[in-house]
Amino acid sequence: MLLIDKLLLSPIYATIWAARQVDNAIQQERAAEPEKITADLSELYMMLETGQITETEFAAREKDLLDRLDLIQEQKSASE
C-alpha cells in the first residue's frame, strides 16, 4: 500500500520540488541584483568619462539605477 501511495503522490512531490527550485533561483537572483546594479553604475560612469553618452543620458540612467537600488534596500529593510 505504501508503494501505491508514493506512486499516486509523486506528481505532487514533483510539483513541490519544482516550486522550490524556482523559489531558490529567484532568491539567488534577488541577492545578486545589488551587485549587478553597482556594476552597471560603474559601466555608466566609464561611458560618461569616455564620451559614449551625454550627461543628460547619464543622469537619466543613473537615476533609474539608483532608484532600483533604493527600492531593493527598502524591501530588504522591510523584510528584516
C-alpha atoms as a PDB file:
ATOM      1  CA  MET A   1       0.000   0.000   0.000  1.00  0.00           C
ATOM      2  CA  LEU A   2       2.868   2.370   0.778  1.00  0.00           C
ATOM      3  CA  LEU A   3       4.297   1.974  -2.725  1.00  0.00           C
ATOM      4  CA  ILE A   4       0.939   2.808  -4.293  1.00  0.00           C
ATOM      5  CA  ASP A   5       0.684   5.928  -2.137  1.00  0.00           C
ATOM      6  CA  LYS A   6       4.124   7.057  -3.295  1.00  0.00           C
ATOM      7  CA  LEU A   7       3.194   6.473  -6.924  1.00  0.00           C
ATOM      8  CA  LEU A   8      -0.050   8.397  -6.583  1.00  0.00           C
ATOM      9  CA  LEU A   9       1.591  11.296  -4.761  1.00  0.00           C
ATOM     10  CA  SER A  10       4.686  11.541  -6.977  1.00  0.00           C
ATOM     11  CA  PRO A  11       3.177  14.287  -9.223  1.00  0.00           C
ATOM     12  CA  ILE A  12       2.558  16.379  -6.106  1.00  0.00           C
ATOM     13  CA  TYR A  13       6.102  15.808  -4.856  1.00  0.00           C
ATOM     14  CA  ALA A  14       7.480  16.732  -8.270  1.00  0.00           C
ATOM     15  CA  THR A  15       5.448  19.945  -8.315  1.00  0.00           C
ATOM     16  CA  ILE A  16       6.659  20.889  -4.842  1.00  0.00           C
ATOM     17  CA  TRP A  17      10.256  20.170  -5.838  1.00  0.00           C
ATOM     18  CA  ALA A  18       9.913  22.310  -8.976  1.00  0.00           C
ATOM     19  CA  ALA A  19       8.382  25.174  -6.988  1.00  0.00           C
ATOM     20  CA  ARG A  20      11.280  25.059  -4.513  1.00  0.00           C
ATOM     21  CA  GLN A  21      13.794  25.147  -7.371  1.00  0.00           C
ATOM     22  CA  VAL A  22      12.095  28.196  -8.882  1.00  0.00           C
ATOM     23  CA  ASP A  23      11.996  29.904  -5.486  1.00  0.00           C
ATOM     24  CA  ASN A  24      15.708  29.224  -4.944  1.00  0.00           C
ATOM     25  CA  ALA A  25      16.543  30.675  -8.364  1.00  0.00           C
ATOM     26  CA  ILE A  26      14.505  33.805  -7.623  1.00  0.00           C
ATOM     27  CA  GLN A  27      16.203  34.247  -4.237  1.00  0.00           C
ATOM     28  CA  GLN A  28      19.652  33.935  -5.825  1.00  0.00           C
ATOM     29  CA  GLU A  29      18.752  36.466  -8.499  1.00  0.00           C
ATOM     30  CA  ARG A  30      17.469  38.918  -5.905  1.00  0.00           C
ATOM     31  CA  ALA A  31      20.629  38.515  -3.833  1.00  0.00           C
ATOM     32  CA  ALA A  32      22.809  39.294  -6.859  1.00  0.00           C
ATOM     33  CA  GLU A  33      20.765  42.302  -8.009  1.00  0.00           C
ATOM     34  CA  PRO A  34      22.578  44.980  -5.909  1.00  0.00           C
ATOM     35  CA  GLU A  35      25.965  43.847  -7.254  1.00  0.00           C
ATOM     36  CA  LYS A  36      24.640  43.942 -10.812  1.00  0.00           C
ATOM     37  CA  ILE A  37      23.311  47.468 -10.327  1.00  0.00           C
ATOM     38  CA  THR A  38      26.650  48.573  -8.872  1.00  0.00           C
ATOM     39  CA  ALA A  39      28.469  47.098 -11.881  1.00  0.00           C
ATOM     40  CA  ASP A  40      26.010  48.855 -14.216  1.00  0.00           C
ATOM     41  CA  LEU A  41      26.707  52.153 -12.429  1.00  0.00           C
ATOM     42  CA  SER A  42      30.462  51.676 -12.841  1.00  0.00           C
ATOM     43  CA  GLU A  43      29.995  50.967 -16.527  1.00  0.00           C
ATOM     44  CA  LEU A  44      27.766  54.013 -16.847  1.00  0.00           C
ATOM     45  CA  TYR A  45      30.427  56.245 -15.251  1.00  0.00           C
ATOM     46  CA  MET A  46      33.027  54.887 -17.659  1.00  0.00           C
ATOM     47  CA  MET A  47      30.721  55.549 -20.610  1.00  0.00           C
ATOM     48  CA  LEU A  48      30.332  59.159 -19.458  1.00  0.00           C
ATOM     49  CA  GLU A  49      34.079  59.589 -18.964  1.00  0.00           C
ATOM     50  CA  THR A  50      34.841  58.238 -22.443  1.00  0.00           C
ATOM     51  CA  GLY A  51      32.167  60.385 -24.082  1.00  0.00           C
ATOM     52  CA  GLN A  52      29.966  57.492 -25.198  1.00  0.00           C
ATOM     53  CA  ILE A  53      26.901  59.084 -23.599  1.00  0.00           C
ATOM     54  CA  THR A  54      25.863  62.636 -22.810  1.00  0.00           C
ATOM     55  CA  GLU A  55      25.394  63.998 -19.314  1.00  0.00           C
ATOM     56  CA  THR A  56      21.628  64.050 -19.858  1.00  0.00           C
ATOM     57  CA  GLU A  57      21.584  60.351 -20.764  1.00  0.00           C
ATOM     58  CA  PHE A  58      23.895  59.639 -17.855  1.00  0.00           C
ATOM     59  CA  ALA A  59      21.675  61.466 -15.375  1.00  0.00           C
ATOM     60  CA  ALA A  60      18.530  59.650 -16.525  1.00  0.00           C
ATOM     61  CA  ARG A  61      20.119  56.196 -16.473  1.00  0.00           C
ATOM     62  CA  GLU A  62      21.870  56.866 -13.162  1.00  0.00           C
ATOM     63  CA  LYS A  63      18.584  57.944 -11.587  1.00  0.00           C
ATOM     64  CA  ASP A  64      16.897  54.722 -12.746  1.00  0.00           C
ATOM     65  CA  LEU A  65      19.695  52.563 -11.366  1.00  0.00           C
ATOM     66  CA  LEU A  66      19.845  54.394  -8.040  1.00  0.00           C
ATOM     67  CA  ASP A  67      16.051  54.219  -7.697  1.00  0.00           C
ATOM     68  CA  ARG A  68      16.192  50.450  -8.253  1.00  0.00           C
ATOM     69  CA  LEU A  69      18.955  50.133  -5.679  1.00  0.00           C
ATOM     70  CA  ASP A  70      16.984  52.189  -3.155  1.00  0.00           C
ATOM     71  CA  LEU A  71      13.902  50.058  -3.748  1.00  0.00           C
ATOM     72  CA  ILE A  72      15.868  46.860  -3.166  1.00  0.00           C
ATOM     73  CA  GLN A  73      17.332  48.255   0.064  1.00  0.00           C
ATOM     74  CA  GLU A  74      13.885  49.351   1.272  1.00  0.00           C
ATOM     75  CA  GLN A  75      12.445  45.908   0.564  1.00  0.00           C
ATOM     76  CA  LYS A  76      15.345  44.281   2.355  1.00  0.00           C
ATOM     77  CA  SER A  77      14.877  46.550   5.394  1.00  0.00           C
ATOM     78  CA  ALA A  78      11.135  45.880   5.464  1.00  0.00           C
ATOM     79  CA  SER A  79      11.616  42.115   5.381  1.00  0.00           C
ATOM     80  CA  GLU A  80      14.080  42.118   8.276  1.00  0.00           C
END
